C-alpha cells in the first residue's frame, strides 16, 4: 500500500492513516486505518465524494473551527 497521509502524527499512538492500495480491486482501493486496528476500504469515486463534501462544509458541524 502507498502511504498518503497521517492524521495527527504527533503522538506515536497509531494515528489514523490514509493509503492507496494499487493492487486492490477498484471498489477497495482507498484504505483508511484507525488507531484501534480497524480499516475502511472504498473506491476512489467514493473517496472523491467524501472530499468534495468536506470541501463544501458538510463536516463543519462535526469539527469546530
N, C-alpha and C. Protein backbone atom coordinates (compact mmCIF):
# COMPACT_ATOMS: atom_id res chain seq x y z
N UNK A 1 0.84 -1.18 0.00
CA UNK A 1 0.00 0.00 0.00
C UNK A 1 0.88 1.24 0.00
N UNK A 2 0.39 2.25 -0.64
CA UNK A 2 1.11 3.52 -0.75
C UNK A 2 0.54 4.50 0.28
N UNK A 3 1.41 4.93 1.19
CA UNK A 3 1.00 5.86 2.25
C UNK A 3 0.78 7.25 1.67
N UNK A 4 -0.36 7.87 2.03
CA UNK A 4 -0.68 9.20 1.54
C UNK A 4 -0.60 10.23 2.66
N UNK A 5 -1.19 9.93 3.83
CA UNK A 5 -1.22 10.91 4.91
C UNK A 5 -1.40 10.23 6.26
N UNK A 6 -0.88 10.88 7.30
CA UNK A 6 -1.11 10.51 8.69
C UNK A 6 -1.87 11.65 9.34
N UNK A 7 -2.97 11.32 10.01
CA UNK A 7 -3.78 12.34 10.66
C UNK A 7 -3.45 12.35 12.14
N UNK A 8 -2.91 13.42 12.60
CA UNK A 8 -2.39 13.64 13.94
C UNK A 8 -0.88 13.56 13.82
N UNK A 9 -0.32 12.38 14.01
CA UNK A 9 1.11 12.20 13.79
C UNK A 9 2.00 12.78 14.85
N UNK A 10 1.44 13.29 15.94
CA UNK A 10 2.27 13.93 16.95
C UNK A 10 2.34 13.13 18.23
N UNK A 11 1.92 11.85 18.18
CA UNK A 11 1.83 11.16 19.47
C UNK A 11 2.31 9.71 19.48
N UNK A 12 2.65 9.09 18.39
CA UNK A 12 3.06 7.68 18.37
C UNK A 12 2.00 6.74 18.93
N UNK A 13 0.72 7.07 18.76
CA UNK A 13 -0.35 6.24 19.32
C UNK A 13 -1.04 5.41 18.24
N UNK A 14 -0.48 5.34 17.06
CA UNK A 14 -1.14 4.62 15.98
C UNK A 14 -2.19 5.47 15.32
N UNK A 15 -1.85 6.66 14.97
CA UNK A 15 -2.79 7.65 14.41
C UNK A 15 -3.46 7.12 13.14
N UNK A 16 -4.66 7.63 12.83
CA UNK A 16 -5.31 7.25 11.58
C UNK A 16 -4.44 7.60 10.37
N UNK A 17 -4.50 6.74 9.35
CA UNK A 17 -3.69 6.95 8.16
C UNK A 17 -4.50 6.67 6.90
N UNK A 18 -4.09 7.30 5.82
CA UNK A 18 -4.73 7.13 4.52
C UNK A 18 -3.73 6.48 3.57
N UNK A 19 -4.19 5.43 2.88
CA UNK A 19 -3.36 4.70 1.92
C UNK A 19 -4.11 4.53 0.61
N UNK A 20 -3.36 4.29 -0.46
CA UNK A 20 -3.92 3.82 -1.72
C UNK A 20 -3.32 2.44 -1.97
N UNK A 21 -4.19 1.46 -2.15
CA UNK A 21 -3.77 0.09 -2.42
C UNK A 21 -3.97 -0.16 -3.91
N UNK A 22 -2.92 0.08 -4.67
CA UNK A 22 -2.99 -0.06 -6.13
C UNK A 22 -3.26 -1.50 -6.58
N UNK A 23 -3.00 -2.47 -5.71
CA UNK A 23 -3.22 -3.87 -6.06
C UNK A 23 -4.64 -4.33 -5.75
N UNK A 24 -5.41 -3.53 -5.02
CA UNK A 24 -6.77 -3.91 -4.63
C UNK A 24 -7.74 -3.74 -5.80
N UNK A 25 -8.88 -4.39 -5.68
CA UNK A 25 -9.94 -4.18 -6.67
C UNK A 25 -10.38 -2.72 -6.57
N UNK A 26 -10.86 -2.12 -7.65
CA UNK A 26 -11.20 -0.69 -7.64
C UNK A 26 -12.14 -0.27 -6.51
N UNK A 27 -13.06 -1.15 -6.11
CA UNK A 27 -14.01 -0.81 -5.06
C UNK A 27 -13.38 -0.70 -3.68
N UNK A 28 -12.13 -1.15 -3.54
CA UNK A 28 -11.47 -1.17 -2.23
C UNK A 28 -10.09 -0.52 -2.27
N UNK A 29 -9.86 0.35 -3.23
CA UNK A 29 -8.53 0.91 -3.46
C UNK A 29 -8.08 1.90 -2.39
N UNK A 30 -9.00 2.69 -1.83
CA UNK A 30 -8.66 3.65 -0.79
C UNK A 30 -8.81 2.97 0.56
N UNK A 31 -7.80 3.09 1.42
CA UNK A 31 -7.80 2.45 2.73
C UNK A 31 -7.53 3.51 3.80
N UNK A 32 -8.42 3.58 4.78
CA UNK A 32 -8.22 4.45 5.93
C UNK A 32 -8.13 3.55 7.15
N UNK A 33 -7.05 3.66 7.89
CA UNK A 33 -6.87 2.88 9.11
C UNK A 33 -7.07 3.79 10.32
N UNK A 34 -7.45 3.19 11.45
CA UNK A 34 -7.56 3.98 12.67
C UNK A 34 -6.61 3.44 13.72
N UNK A 35 -6.59 4.09 14.88
CA UNK A 35 -5.65 3.70 15.92
C UNK A 35 -6.15 2.52 16.75
N UNK A 36 -7.25 1.88 16.35
CA UNK A 36 -7.77 0.71 17.03
C UNK A 36 -7.60 -0.56 16.19
N UNK A 37 -6.89 -0.45 15.08
CA UNK A 37 -6.64 -1.59 14.22
C UNK A 37 -7.72 -1.87 13.20
N UNK A 38 -8.68 -0.96 13.08
CA UNK A 38 -9.75 -1.12 12.10
C UNK A 38 -9.37 -0.44 10.79
N UNK A 39 -10.09 -0.77 9.73
CA UNK A 39 -9.83 -0.13 8.45
C UNK A 39 -11.12 0.00 7.65
N UNK A 40 -11.15 1.03 6.85
CA UNK A 40 -12.26 1.29 5.93
C UNK A 40 -11.67 1.23 4.54
N UNK A 41 -12.34 0.54 3.63
CA UNK A 41 -11.90 0.47 2.25
C UNK A 41 -13.01 1.02 1.37
N UNK A 42 -12.66 1.84 0.39
CA UNK A 42 -13.65 2.43 -0.51
C UNK A 42 -13.02 2.68 -1.86
N UNK A 43 -13.88 2.98 -2.81
CA UNK A 43 -13.39 3.27 -4.16
C UNK A 43 -12.87 4.70 -4.22
N UNK A 44 -12.13 5.01 -5.26
CA UNK A 44 -11.64 6.37 -5.48
C UNK A 44 -12.83 7.32 -5.66
N UNK A 45 -13.88 6.87 -6.36
CA UNK A 45 -15.07 7.71 -6.54
C UNK A 45 -15.74 8.02 -5.21
N UNK A 46 -15.86 7.03 -4.32
CA UNK A 46 -16.46 7.27 -3.01
C UNK A 46 -15.61 8.25 -2.21
N UNK A 47 -14.30 8.09 -2.27
CA UNK A 47 -13.41 8.99 -1.55
C UNK A 47 -13.50 10.40 -2.13
N UNK A 48 -13.62 10.51 -3.44
CA UNK A 48 -13.78 11.82 -4.07
C UNK A 48 -15.05 12.51 -3.58
N UNK A 49 -16.13 11.76 -3.43
CA UNK A 49 -17.37 12.32 -2.88
C UNK A 49 -17.18 12.80 -1.45
N UNK A 50 -16.46 12.02 -0.65
CA UNK A 50 -16.18 12.41 0.73
C UNK A 50 -15.38 13.70 0.79
N UNK A 51 -14.34 13.80 -0.02
CA UNK A 51 -13.51 15.00 -0.07
C UNK A 51 -14.33 16.20 -0.54
N UNK A 52 -15.14 16.03 -1.57
CA UNK A 52 -15.97 17.13 -2.08
C UNK A 52 -16.96 17.60 -1.00
N UNK A 53 -17.55 16.67 -0.29
CA UNK A 53 -18.48 17.04 0.78
C UNK A 53 -17.77 17.81 1.88
N UNK A 54 -16.56 17.37 2.23
CA UNK A 54 -15.78 18.08 3.25
C UNK A 54 -15.45 19.50 2.78
N UNK A 55 -15.07 19.64 1.53
CA UNK A 55 -14.78 20.97 0.98
C UNK A 55 -16.01 21.87 0.97
N UNK A 56 -17.19 21.27 0.79
CA UNK A 56 -18.44 22.02 0.75
C UNK A 56 -18.97 22.37 2.15
N UNK A 57 -18.28 21.89 3.19
CA UNK A 57 -18.66 22.25 4.54
C UNK A 57 -19.57 21.28 5.24
N UNK A 58 -19.86 20.13 4.64
CA UNK A 58 -20.77 19.16 5.23
C UNK A 58 -20.29 18.70 6.61
N UNK A 59 -18.99 18.64 6.81
CA UNK A 59 -18.44 18.14 8.08
C UNK A 59 -18.15 19.24 9.10
N UNK A 60 -18.43 20.47 8.75
CA UNK A 60 -18.09 21.59 9.64
C UNK A 60 -18.77 21.51 11.00
N UNK A 61 -19.98 20.96 11.05
CA UNK A 61 -20.65 20.87 12.34
C UNK A 61 -20.04 19.81 13.25
N UNK A 62 -19.30 18.87 12.67
CA UNK A 62 -18.65 17.82 13.46
C UNK A 62 -17.36 18.33 14.08
N UNK A 63 -16.63 19.15 13.34
CA UNK A 63 -15.34 19.66 13.80
C UNK A 63 -15.44 21.18 13.96
N UNK A 64 -15.36 21.65 15.21
CA UNK A 64 -15.43 23.10 15.41
C UNK A 64 -14.26 23.83 14.77
N UNK A 65 -14.52 25.02 14.30
CA UNK A 65 -13.47 25.81 13.64
C UNK A 65 -12.42 26.27 14.62
